[in-house]
All heavy atoms as atom14 arrays in JSON, in Angstrom:
{
  "sequence": "TPAGLPLSRRLVQIYTDLQELISTFHPDEMAVEELFFNTNLTTGISVA",
  "atom14_mask": [
    [1, 1, 1, 1, 1, 1, 1, 0, 0, 0, 0, 0, 0, 0],
    [1, 1, 1, 1, 1, 1, 1, 0, 0, 0, 0, 0, 0, 0],
    [1, 1, 1, 1, 1, 0, 0, 0, 0, 0, 0, 0, 0, 0],
    [1, 1, 1, 1, 0, 0, 0, 0, 0, 0, 0, 0, 0, 0],
    [1, 1, 1, 1, 1, 1, 1, 1, 0, 0, 0, 0, 0, 0],
    [1, 1, 1, 1, 1, 1, 1, 0, 0, 0, 0, 0, 0, 0],
    [1, 1, 1, 1, 1, 1, 1, 1, 0, 0, 0, 0, 0, 0],
    [1, 1, 1, 1, 1, 1, 0, 0, 0, 0, 0, 0, 0, 0],
    [1, 1, 1, 1, 1, 1, 1, 1, 1, 1, 1, 0, 0, 0],
    [1, 1, 1, 1, 1, 1, 1, 1, 1, 1, 1, 0, 0, 0],
    [1, 1, 1, 1, 1, 1, 1, 1, 0, 0, 0, 0, 0, 0],
    [1, 1, 1, 1, 1, 1, 1, 0, 0, 0, 0, 0, 0, 0],
    [1, 1, 1, 1, 1, 1, 1, 1, 1, 0, 0, 0, 0, 0],
    [1, 1, 1, 1, 1, 1, 1, 1, 0, 0, 0, 0, 0, 0],
    [1, 1, 1, 1, 1, 1, 1, 1, 1, 1, 1, 1, 0, 0],
    [1, 1, 1, 1, 1, 1, 1, 0, 0, 0, 0, 0, 0, 0],
    [1, 1, 1, 1, 1, 1, 1, 1, 0, 0, 0, 0, 0, 0],
    [1, 1, 1, 1, 1, 1, 1, 1, 0, 0, 0, 0, 0, 0],
    [1, 1, 1, 1, 1, 1, 1, 1, 1, 0, 0, 0, 0, 0],
    [1, 1, 1, 1, 1, 1, 1, 1, 1, 0, 0, 0, 0, 0],
    [1, 1, 1, 1, 1, 1, 1, 1, 0, 0, 0, 0, 0, 0],
    [1, 1, 1, 1, 1, 1, 1, 1, 0, 0, 0, 0, 0, 0],
    [1, 1, 1, 1, 1, 1, 0, 0, 0, 0, 0, 0, 0, 0],
    [1, 1, 1, 1, 1, 1, 1, 0, 0, 0, 0, 0, 0, 0],
    [1, 1, 1, 1, 1, 1, 1, 1, 1, 1, 1, 0, 0, 0],
    [1, 1, 1, 1, 1, 1, 1, 1, 1, 1, 0, 0, 0, 0],
    [1, 1, 1, 1, 1, 1, 1, 0, 0, 0, 0, 0, 0, 0],
    [1, 1, 1, 1, 1, 1, 1, 1, 0, 0, 0, 0, 0, 0],
    [1, 1, 1, 1, 1, 1, 1, 1, 1, 0, 0, 0, 0, 0],
    [1, 1, 1, 1, 1, 1, 1, 1, 0, 0, 0, 0, 0, 0],
    [1, 1, 1, 1, 1, 0, 0, 0, 0, 0, 0, 0, 0, 0],
    [1, 1, 1, 1, 1, 1, 1, 0, 0, 0, 0, 0, 0, 0],
    [1, 1, 1, 1, 1, 1, 1, 1, 1, 0, 0, 0, 0, 0],
    [1, 1, 1, 1, 1, 1, 1, 1, 1, 0, 0, 0, 0, 0],
    [1, 1, 1, 1, 1, 1, 1, 1, 0, 0, 0, 0, 0, 0],
    [1, 1, 1, 1, 1, 1, 1, 1, 1, 1, 1, 0, 0, 0],
    [1, 1, 1, 1, 1, 1, 1, 1, 1, 1, 1, 0, 0, 0],
    [1, 1, 1, 1, 1, 1, 1, 1, 0, 0, 0, 0, 0, 0],
    [1, 1, 1, 1, 1, 1, 1, 0, 0, 0, 0, 0, 0, 0],
    [1, 1, 1, 1, 1, 1, 1, 1, 0, 0, 0, 0, 0, 0],
    [1, 1, 1, 1, 1, 1, 1, 1, 0, 0, 0, 0, 0, 0],
    [1, 1, 1, 1, 1, 1, 1, 0, 0, 0, 0, 0, 0, 0],
    [1, 1, 1, 1, 1, 1, 1, 0, 0, 0, 0, 0, 0, 0],
    [1, 1, 1, 1, 0, 0, 0, 0, 0, 0, 0, 0, 0, 0],
    [1, 1, 1, 1, 1, 1, 1, 1, 0, 0, 0, 0, 0, 0],
    [1, 1, 1, 1, 1, 1, 0, 0, 0, 0, 0, 0, 0, 0],
    [1, 1, 1, 1, 1, 1, 1, 0, 0, 0, 0, 0, 0, 0],
    [1, 1, 1, 1, 1, 0, 0, 0, 0, 0, 0, 0, 0, 0]
  ],
  "atom14_positions": [
    [[5.54, 0.28, -7.27], [6.56, -0.64, -6.9], [6.83, -1.52, -8.09], [5.97, -1.96, -8.72], [6.28, -1.47, -5.65], [5.09, -2.26, -5.92], [5.94, -0.56, -4.43], [0.0, 0.0, 0.0], [0.0, 0.0, 0.0], [0.0, 0.0, 0.0], [0.0, 0.0, 0.0], [0.0, 0.0, 0.0], [0.0, 0.0, 0.0], [0.0, 0.0, 0.0]],
    [[8.22, -1.76, -8.32], [8.47, -2.59, -9.5], [7.96, -4.06, -9.36], [8.04, -4.63, -8.24], [9.95, -2.65, -9.43], [10.41, -1.36, -8.67], [9.34, -1.17, -7.64], [0.0, 0.0, 0.0], [0.0, 0.0, 0.0], [0.0, 0.0, 0.0], [0.0, 0.0, 0.0], [0.0, 0.0, 0.0], [0.0, 0.0, 0.0], [0.0, 0.0, 0.0]],
    [[7.48, -4.55, -10.46], [6.92, -5.96, -10.42], [7.93, -7.08, -10.07], [7.52, -8.03, -9.45], [6.29, -6.24, -11.83], [0.0, 0.0, 0.0], [0.0, 0.0, 0.0], [0.0, 0.0, 0.0], [0.0, 0.0, 0.0], [0.0, 0.0, 0.0], [0.0, 0.0, 0.0], [0.0, 0.0, 0.0], [0.0, 0.0, 0.0], [0.0, 0.0, 0.0]],
    [[9.24, -6.81, -10.4], [10.19, -7.91, -10.08], [10.61, -8.03, -8.62], [11.19, -8.96, -8.26], [0.0, 0.0, 0.0], [0.0, 0.0, 0.0], [0.0, 0.0, 0.0], [0.0, 0.0, 0.0], [0.0, 0.0, 0.0], [0.0, 0.0, 0.0], [0.0, 0.0, 0.0], [0.0, 0.0, 0.0], [0.0, 0.0, 0.0], [0.0, 0.0, 0.0]],
    [[10.28, -7.02, -7.8], [10.71, -7.02, -6.41], [9.86, -8.12, -5.63], [8.72, -8.25, -5.84], [10.46, -5.7, -5.76], [11.51, -4.56, -5.94], [11.07, -3.27, -5.3], [12.91, -5.06, -5.81], [0.0, 0.0, 0.0], [0.0, 0.0, 0.0], [0.0, 0.0, 0.0], [0.0, 0.0, 0.0], [0.0, 0.0, 0.0], [0.0, 0.0, 0.0]],
    [[10.56, -8.72, -4.64], [9.74, -9.54, -3.76], [8.7, -8.78, -2.85], [8.95, -7.52, -2.78], [10.69, -10.17, -2.73], [12.11, -9.87, -3.38], [12.02, -8.71, -4.3], [0.0, 0.0, 0.0], [0.0, 0.0, 0.0], [0.0, 0.0, 0.0], [0.0, 0.0, 0.0], [0.0, 0.0, 0.0], [0.0, 0.0, 0.0], [0.0, 0.0, 0.0]],
    [[7.59, -9.31, -2.53], [6.51, -8.7, -1.86], [6.98, -7.89, -0.62], [6.74, -6.77, -0.44], [5.37, -9.68, -1.43], [4.29, -9.0, -0.66], [3.52, -8.05, -1.39], [3.35, -10.08, -0.15], [0.0, 0.0, 0.0], [0.0, 0.0, 0.0], [0.0, 0.0, 0.0], [0.0, 0.0, 0.0], [0.0, 0.0, 0.0], [0.0, 0.0, 0.0]],
    [[7.95, -8.5, 0.13], [8.42, -7.9, 1.28], [9.1, -6.47, 0.94], [8.95, -5.51, 1.66], [9.38, -8.78, 2.08], [10.52, -9.17, 1.24], [0.0, 0.0, 0.0], [0.0, 0.0, 0.0], [0.0, 0.0, 0.0], [0.0, 0.0, 0.0], [0.0, 0.0, 0.0], [0.0, 0.0, 0.0], [0.0, 0.0, 0.0], [0.0, 0.0, 0.0]],
    [[9.89, -6.49, -0.05], [10.54, -5.15, -0.43], [9.66, -4.2, -0.98], [9.8, -3.04, -0.88], [11.59, -5.54, -1.51], [12.72, -6.43, -0.73], [14.15, -6.39, -1.18], [14.75, -5.14, -1.9], [15.38, -5.35, -3.01], [15.67, -6.57, -3.48], [15.91, -4.25, -3.61], [0.0, 0.0, 0.0], [0.0, 0.0, 0.0], [0.0, 0.0, 0.0]],
    [[8.6, -4.68, -1.75], [7.52, -3.72, -2.18], [6.83, -3.08, -0.99], [6.48, -1.87, -1.04], [6.59, -4.48, -3.07], [7.21, -4.97, -4.37], [6.17, -5.82, -5.11], [5.58, -5.0, -6.24], [4.83, -5.59, -7.21], [4.43, -6.72, -7.11], [4.41, -4.75, -8.07], [0.0, 0.0, 0.0], [0.0, 0.0, 0.0], [0.0, 0.0, 0.0]],
    [[6.53, -3.94, 0.02], [5.82, -3.38, 1.16], [6.69, -2.3, 1.91], [6.17, -1.37, 2.42], [5.4, -4.49, 2.16], [4.47, -5.49, 1.6], [4.22, -6.6, 2.51], [3.16, -4.89, 1.25], [0.0, 0.0, 0.0], [0.0, 0.0, 0.0], [0.0, 0.0, 0.0], [0.0, 0.0, 0.0], [0.0, 0.0, 0.0], [0.0, 0.0, 0.0]],
    [[8.03, -2.64, 2.01], [8.92, -1.56, 2.6], [8.84, -0.29, 1.91], [8.85, 0.82, 2.41], [10.35, -2.09, 2.8], [11.3, -1.02, 3.18], [10.32, -3.3, 3.7], [0.0, 0.0, 0.0], [0.0, 0.0, 0.0], [0.0, 0.0, 0.0], [0.0, 0.0, 0.0], [0.0, 0.0, 0.0], [0.0, 0.0, 0.0], [0.0, 0.0, 0.0]],
    [[8.84, -0.33, 0.46], [8.86, 0.82, -0.32], [7.56, 1.63, -0.11], [7.54, 2.85, 0.1], [8.97, 0.48, -1.87], [9.08, 1.8, -2.61], [9.16, 1.4, -4.07], [9.69, 0.35, -4.46], [8.81, 2.4, -4.89], [0.0, 0.0, 0.0], [0.0, 0.0, 0.0], [0.0, 0.0, 0.0], [0.0, 0.0, 0.0], [0.0, 0.0, 0.0]],
    [[6.42, 0.85, -0.1], [5.12, 1.57, 0.2], [5.12, 2.29, 1.52], [4.76, 3.42, 1.75], [4.03, 0.53, 0.08], [3.76, 0.1, -1.32], [2.65, 1.21, 0.61], [2.83, -1.09, -1.4], [0.0, 0.0, 0.0], [0.0, 0.0, 0.0], [0.0, 0.0, 0.0], [0.0, 0.0, 0.0], [0.0, 0.0, 0.0], [0.0, 0.0, 0.0]],
    [[5.67, 1.51, 2.52], [5.66, 2.13, 3.92], [6.6, 3.39, 3.97], [6.17, 4.33, 4.46], [6.23, 1.04, 4.78], [6.47, 1.47, 6.22], [5.4, 1.48, 7.1], [7.67, 1.74, 6.66], [5.47, 1.88, 8.32], [7.9, 2.19, 8.04], [6.77, 2.23, 8.82], [6.99, 2.6, 10.18], [0.0, 0.0, 0.0], [0.0, 0.0, 0.0]],
    [[7.78, 3.22, 3.3], [8.74, 4.4, 3.32], [8.17, 5.63, 2.54], [8.25, 6.74, 3.09], [9.99, 3.94, 2.84], [10.49, 2.84, 3.5], [11.05, 5.06, 2.8], [0.0, 0.0, 0.0], [0.0, 0.0, 0.0], [0.0, 0.0, 0.0], [0.0, 0.0, 0.0], [0.0, 0.0, 0.0], [0.0, 0.0, 0.0], [0.0, 0.0, 0.0]],
    [[7.6, 5.35, 1.41], [7.02, 6.51, 0.54], [5.86, 7.05, 1.23], [5.65, 8.32, 1.23], [6.65, 5.89, -0.79], [7.83, 5.51, -1.75], [9.04, 5.82, -1.32], [7.7, 5.09, -2.83], [0.0, 0.0, 0.0], [0.0, 0.0, 0.0], [0.0, 0.0, 0.0], [0.0, 0.0, 0.0], [0.0, 0.0, 0.0], [0.0, 0.0, 0.0]],
    [[5.01, 6.27, 1.86], [3.84, 6.9, 2.54], [4.25, 7.66, 3.77], [3.71, 8.74, 3.99], [2.8, 5.79, 2.95], [1.43, 6.27, 3.46], [0.79, 7.07, 2.33], [0.59, 5.2, 4.07], [0.0, 0.0, 0.0], [0.0, 0.0, 0.0], [0.0, 0.0, 0.0], [0.0, 0.0, 0.0], [0.0, 0.0, 0.0], [0.0, 0.0, 0.0]],
    [[5.2, 7.23, 4.53], [5.75, 8.06, 5.67], [6.33, 9.38, 5.06], [6.02, 10.31, 5.68], [6.88, 7.34, 6.27], [6.32, 6.22, 7.28], [7.48, 5.74, 8.13], [8.66, 5.37, 7.69], [7.23, 5.58, 9.4], [0.0, 0.0, 0.0], [0.0, 0.0, 0.0], [0.0, 0.0, 0.0], [0.0, 0.0, 0.0], [0.0, 0.0, 0.0]],
    [[6.92, 9.33, 4.0], [7.5, 10.58, 3.38], [6.36, 11.46, 2.9], [6.34, 12.74, 3.13], [8.42, 10.33, 2.23], [9.07, 11.52, 1.68], [10.02, 11.16, 0.5], [10.58, 10.01, 0.46], [10.14, 12.07, -0.32], [0.0, 0.0, 0.0], [0.0, 0.0, 0.0], [0.0, 0.0, 0.0], [0.0, 0.0, 0.0], [0.0, 0.0, 0.0]],
    [[5.31, 10.96, 2.27], [4.15, 11.74, 1.87], [3.52, 12.42, 3.09], [3.15, 13.56, 3.1], [3.16, 10.75, 1.27], [2.05, 11.39, 0.34], [2.62, 12.01, -0.8], [1.19, 10.16, -0.18], [0.0, 0.0, 0.0], [0.0, 0.0, 0.0], [0.0, 0.0, 0.0], [0.0, 0.0, 0.0], [0.0, 0.0, 0.0], [0.0, 0.0, 0.0]],
    [[3.27, 11.7, 4.11], [2.69, 12.14, 5.34], [3.53, 13.39, 6.03], [3.08, 14.33, 6.37], [2.37, 11.03, 6.41], [1.16, 10.14, 5.91], [2.12, 11.67, 7.78], [1.04, 8.86, 6.76], [0.0, 0.0, 0.0], [0.0, 0.0, 0.0], [0.0, 0.0, 0.0], [0.0, 0.0, 0.0], [0.0, 0.0, 0.0], [0.0, 0.0, 0.0]],
    [[4.91, 13.05, 6.07], [5.78, 14.02, 6.7], [5.82, 15.26, 5.81], [6.09, 16.43, 6.32], [7.12, 13.37, 6.72], [7.2, 12.31, 7.64], [0.0, 0.0, 0.0], [0.0, 0.0, 0.0], [0.0, 0.0, 0.0], [0.0, 0.0, 0.0], [0.0, 0.0, 0.0], [0.0, 0.0, 0.0], [0.0, 0.0, 0.0], [0.0, 0.0, 0.0]],
    [[5.64, 15.22, 4.43], [5.76, 16.34, 3.67], [4.44, 17.12, 3.63], [4.51, 18.39, 3.75], [5.94, 15.82, 2.17], [7.26, 15.16, 2.15], [6.13, 17.15, 1.25], [0.0, 0.0, 0.0], [0.0, 0.0, 0.0], [0.0, 0.0, 0.0], [0.0, 0.0, 0.0], [0.0, 0.0, 0.0], [0.0, 0.0, 0.0], [0.0, 0.0, 0.0]],
    [[3.3, 16.45, 3.64], [2.03, 17.15, 3.55], [1.19, 17.41, 4.74], [0.23, 18.05, 4.9], [1.15, 16.58, 2.37], [1.81, 16.7, 1.02], [2.44, 15.76, 0.39], [1.61, 17.96, 0.38], [3.02, 16.01, -0.81], [2.09, 18.16, -0.88], [2.92, 17.15, -1.37], [0.0, 0.0, 0.0], [0.0, 0.0, 0.0], [0.0, 0.0, 0.0]],
    [[1.58, 16.7, 5.86], [1.0, 16.85, 7.13], [-0.58, 16.73, 7.08], [-1.17, 17.66, 7.55], [1.46, 18.14, 7.82], [2.96, 18.33, 7.97], [3.79, 17.57, 8.77], [3.73, 19.09, 7.13], [4.95, 17.89, 8.59], [4.98, 18.83, 7.57], [0.0, 0.0, 0.0], [0.0, 0.0, 0.0], [0.0, 0.0, 0.0], [0.0, 0.0, 0.0]],
    [[-1.03, 15.64, 6.66], [-2.57, 15.53, 6.65], [-3.06, 15.51, 8.09], [-2.47, 14.95, 8.97], [-2.86, 14.2, 6.01], [-1.58, 13.38, 6.08], [-0.42, 14.43, 6.18], [0.0, 0.0, 0.0], [0.0, 0.0, 0.0], [0.0, 0.0, 0.0], [0.0, 0.0, 0.0], [0.0, 0.0, 0.0], [0.0, 0.0, 0.0], [0.0, 0.0, 0.0]],
    [[-4.33, 16.06, 8.33], [-4.91, 15.94, 9.59], [-5.53, 14.59, 9.75], [-5.66, 14.13, 10.98], [-6.01, 16.97, 9.65], [-5.45, 18.43, 9.62], [-4.63, 18.82, 10.41], [-5.8, 19.15, 8.72], [0.0, 0.0, 0.0], [0.0, 0.0, 0.0], [0.0, 0.0, 0.0], [0.0, 0.0, 0.0], [0.0, 0.0, 0.0], [0.0, 0.0, 0.0]],
    [[-6.13, 13.98, 8.71], [-6.72, 12.68, 8.7], [-6.44, 11.93, 7.4], [-6.16, 12.58, 6.39], [-8.19, 12.89, 8.93], [-8.53, 13.46, 10.33], [-9.99, 13.71, 10.52], [-10.75, 13.63, 9.55], [-10.31, 14.12, 11.72], [0.0, 0.0, 0.0], [0.0, 0.0, 0.0], [0.0, 0.0, 0.0], [0.0, 0.0, 0.0], [0.0, 0.0, 0.0]],
    [[-6.55, 10.64, 7.58], [-6.46, 9.8, 6.3], [-7.56, 8.98, 6.09], [-8.1, 8.3, 7.09], [-5.19, 8.95, 6.52], [-4.92, 8.16, 5.2], [-3.32, 7.24, 5.26], [-3.74, 5.64, 6.2], [0.0, 0.0, 0.0], [0.0, 0.0, 0.0], [0.0, 0.0, 0.0], [0.0, 0.0, 0.0], [0.0, 0.0, 0.0], [0.0, 0.0, 0.0]],
    [[-8.03, 8.89, 4.9], [-9.23, 8.03, 4.43], [-8.71, 6.94, 3.62], [-8.09, 7.17, 2.64], [-10.34, 8.88, 3.82], [0.0, 0.0, 0.0], [0.0, 0.0, 0.0], [0.0, 0.0, 0.0], [0.0, 0.0, 0.0], [0.0, 0.0, 0.0], [0.0, 0.0, 0.0], [0.0, 0.0, 0.0], [0.0, 0.0, 0.0], [0.0, 0.0, 0.0]],
    [[-9.05, 5.83, 3.97], [-8.59, 4.56, 3.19], [-9.72, 3.69, 2.71], [-10.76, 3.49, 3.47], [-7.61, 3.64, 3.93], [-7.11, 2.53, 3.16], [-6.51, 4.49, 4.62], [0.0, 0.0, 0.0], [0.0, 0.0, 0.0], [0.0, 0.0, 0.0], [0.0, 0.0, 0.0], [0.0, 0.0, 0.0], [0.0, 0.0, 0.0], [0.0, 0.0, 0.0]],
    [[-9.76, 3.21, 1.42], [-10.68, 2.42, 0.98], [-10.63, 1.02, 1.63], [-9.52, 0.47, 1.66], [-10.74, 2.28, -0.56], [-12.0, 1.5, -1.03], [-12.06, 1.55, -2.6], [-11.15, 0.98, -3.27], [-12.93, 2.22, -3.06], [0.0, 0.0, 0.0], [0.0, 0.0, 0.0], [0.0, 0.0, 0.0], [0.0, 0.0, 0.0], [0.0, 0.0, 0.0]],
    [[-11.83, 0.4, 2.05], [-11.76, -0.89, 2.59], [-11.64, -1.85, 1.45], [-11.95, -1.53, 0.38], [-13.18, -1.2, 3.34], [-13.29, -0.42, 4.63], [-14.46, -0.71, 5.52], [-15.15, -1.62, 4.99], [-14.63, -0.11, 6.5], [0.0, 0.0, 0.0], [0.0, 0.0, 0.0], [0.0, 0.0, 0.0], [0.0, 0.0, 0.0], [0.0, 0.0, 0.0]],
    [[-11.14, -3.06, 1.73], [-10.95, -4.02, 0.71], [-12.25, -4.66, 0.34], [-13.17, -4.9, 1.04], [-10.07, -5.21, 1.18], [-8.53, -4.9, 1.38], [-7.81, -6.2, 1.71], [-8.03, -4.22, 0.06], [0.0, 0.0, 0.0], [0.0, 0.0, 0.0], [0.0, 0.0, 0.0], [0.0, 0.0, 0.0], [0.0, 0.0, 0.0], [0.0, 0.0, 0.0]],
    [[-12.3, -4.82, -1.08], [-13.5, -5.49, -1.69], [-12.98, -6.62, -2.48], [-12.31, -6.48, -3.51], [-14.23, -4.47, -2.58], [-15.41, -5.02, -3.32], [-16.55, -5.43, -2.72], [-15.23, -5.33, -4.7], [-17.57, -5.97, -3.39], [-16.28, -5.8, -5.42], [-17.42, -6.14, -4.8], [0.0, 0.0, 0.0], [0.0, 0.0, 0.0], [0.0, 0.0, 0.0]],
    [[-13.28, -7.8, -2.08], [-12.79, -9.09, -2.76], [-13.85, -9.36, -3.77], [-14.95, -9.76, -3.44], [-12.7, -10.34, -1.78], [-11.49, -10.11, -0.96], [-11.54, -9.57, 0.33], [-10.27, -10.47, -1.33], [-10.55, -9.43, 1.18], [-9.15, -10.35, -0.57], [-9.29, -9.81, 0.74], [0.0, 0.0, 0.0], [0.0, 0.0, 0.0], [0.0, 0.0, 0.0]],
    [[-13.47, -9.22, -5.07], [-14.36, -9.64, -6.13], [-14.19, -10.98, -6.54], [-15.01, -11.94, -6.11], [-14.26, -8.67, -7.26], [-15.29, -8.64, -8.34], [-16.35, -9.29, -8.07], [-15.2, -7.86, -9.32], [0.0, 0.0, 0.0], [0.0, 0.0, 0.0], [0.0, 0.0, 0.0], [0.0, 0.0, 0.0], [0.0, 0.0, 0.0], [0.0, 0.0, 0.0]],
    [[-13.22, -11.29, -7.32], [-13.09, -12.68, -7.95], [-11.67, -13.13, -7.61], [-11.49, -14.37, -7.51], [-13.21, -12.74, -9.33], [-12.51, -11.75, -10.05], [-14.85, -12.43, -9.77], [0.0, 0.0, 0.0], [0.0, 0.0, 0.0], [0.0, 0.0, 0.0], [0.0, 0.0, 0.0], [0.0, 0.0, 0.0], [0.0, 0.0, 0.0], [0.0, 0.0, 0.0]],
    [[-10.81, -12.34, -7.53], [-9.32, -12.81, -7.47], [-8.83, -12.68, -6.02], [-8.41, -11.65, -5.58], [-8.42, -12.04, -8.4], [-7.05, -12.6, -8.51], [-6.57, -13.53, -7.64], [-6.35, -12.36, -9.55], [0.0, 0.0, 0.0], [0.0, 0.0, 0.0], [0.0, 0.0, 0.0], [0.0, 0.0, 0.0], [0.0, 0.0, 0.0], [0.0, 0.0, 0.0]],
    [[-8.93, -13.83, -5.35], [-8.52, -13.79, -3.85], [-7.07, -13.51, -3.75], [-6.66, -12.86, -2.74], [-8.95, -15.1, -3.26], [-8.81, -15.3, -1.75], [-9.56, -14.24, -1.0], [-9.16, -16.59, -1.21], [0.0, 0.0, 0.0], [0.0, 0.0, 0.0], [0.0, 0.0, 0.0], [0.0, 0.0, 0.0], [0.0, 0.0, 0.0], [0.0, 0.0, 0.0]],
    [[-6.28, -14.17, -4.62], [-4.85, -13.9, -4.56], [-4.42, -12.4, -4.53], [-3.63, -11.91, -3.79], [-4.08, -14.63, -5.62], [-4.46, -16.09, -5.49], [-2.56, -14.54, -5.44], [0.0, 0.0, 0.0], [0.0, 0.0, 0.0], [0.0, 0.0, 0.0], [0.0, 0.0, 0.0], [0.0, 0.0, 0.0], [0.0, 0.0, 0.0], [0.0, 0.0, 0.0]],
    [[-4.96, -11.7, -5.44], [-4.77, -10.31, -5.57], [-5.31, -9.59, -4.36], [-4.56, -8.7, -3.84], [-5.47, -9.64, -6.75], [-4.96, -10.35, -8.0], [-5.21, -8.27, -7.08], [0.0, 0.0, 0.0], [0.0, 0.0, 0.0], [0.0, 0.0, 0.0], [0.0, 0.0, 0.0], [0.0, 0.0, 0.0], [0.0, 0.0, 0.0], [0.0, 0.0, 0.0]],
    [[-6.4, -9.99, -3.87], [-6.98, -9.32, -2.59], [-6.07, -9.52, -1.37], [-5.93, -8.6, -0.65], [0.0, 0.0, 0.0], [0.0, 0.0, 0.0], [0.0, 0.0, 0.0], [0.0, 0.0, 0.0], [0.0, 0.0, 0.0], [0.0, 0.0, 0.0], [0.0, 0.0, 0.0], [0.0, 0.0, 0.0], [0.0, 0.0, 0.0], [0.0, 0.0, 0.0]],
    [[-5.5, -10.7, -1.34], [-4.51, -10.93, -0.17], [-3.25, -10.01, -0.37], [-2.84, -9.42, 0.62], [-4.19, -12.41, -0.11], [-5.33, -13.24, 0.31], [-3.02, -12.65, 0.9], [-5.25, -14.66, 0.21], [0.0, 0.0, 0.0], [0.0, 0.0, 0.0], [0.0, 0.0, 0.0], [0.0, 0.0, 0.0], [0.0, 0.0, 0.0], [0.0, 0.0, 0.0]],
    [[-2.85, -9.96, -1.56], [-1.61, -9.03, -1.82], [-1.9, -7.64, -1.43], [-1.23, -6.86, -0.77], [-1.33, -9.16, -3.28], [-0.19, -8.3, -3.52], [0.0, 0.0, 0.0], [0.0, 0.0, 0.0], [0.0, 0.0, 0.0], [0.0, 0.0, 0.0], [0.0, 0.0, 0.0], [0.0, 0.0, 0.0], [0.0, 0.0, 0.0], [0.0, 0.0, 0.0]],
    [[-3.11, -7.2, -1.88], [-3.62, -5.7, -1.6], [-3.78, -5.52, -0.01], [-3.47, -4.55, 0.57], [-4.92, -5.41, -2.26], [-5.46, -4.03, -1.92], [-4.67, -5.48, -3.86], [0.0, 0.0, 0.0], [0.0, 0.0, 0.0], [0.0, 0.0, 0.0], [0.0, 0.0, 0.0], [0.0, 0.0, 0.0], [0.0, 0.0, 0.0], [0.0, 0.0, 0.0]],
    [[-4.27, -6.54, 0.63], [-4.44, -6.52, 2.03], [-3.06, -6.38, 2.74], [-2.99, -5.58, 3.76], [-5.05, -7.84, 2.61], [0.0, 0.0, 0.0], [0.0, 0.0, 0.0], [0.0, 0.0, 0.0], [0.0, 0.0, 0.0], [0.0, 0.0, 0.0], [0.0, 0.0, 0.0], [0.0, 0.0, 0.0], [0.0, 0.0, 0.0], [0.0, 0.0, 0.0]]
  ]
}
């Protein structure tokens, strides 16, 4: 997602692109990494 976009628009793009990915490849299951907060809480919240 482009850095200049507001967070809300970046989230919409991620959502739309992921839906397209799922619809194209039809995964049986999805594995996602859990969040790990190291030092930068602001980045962690954005990733959340």
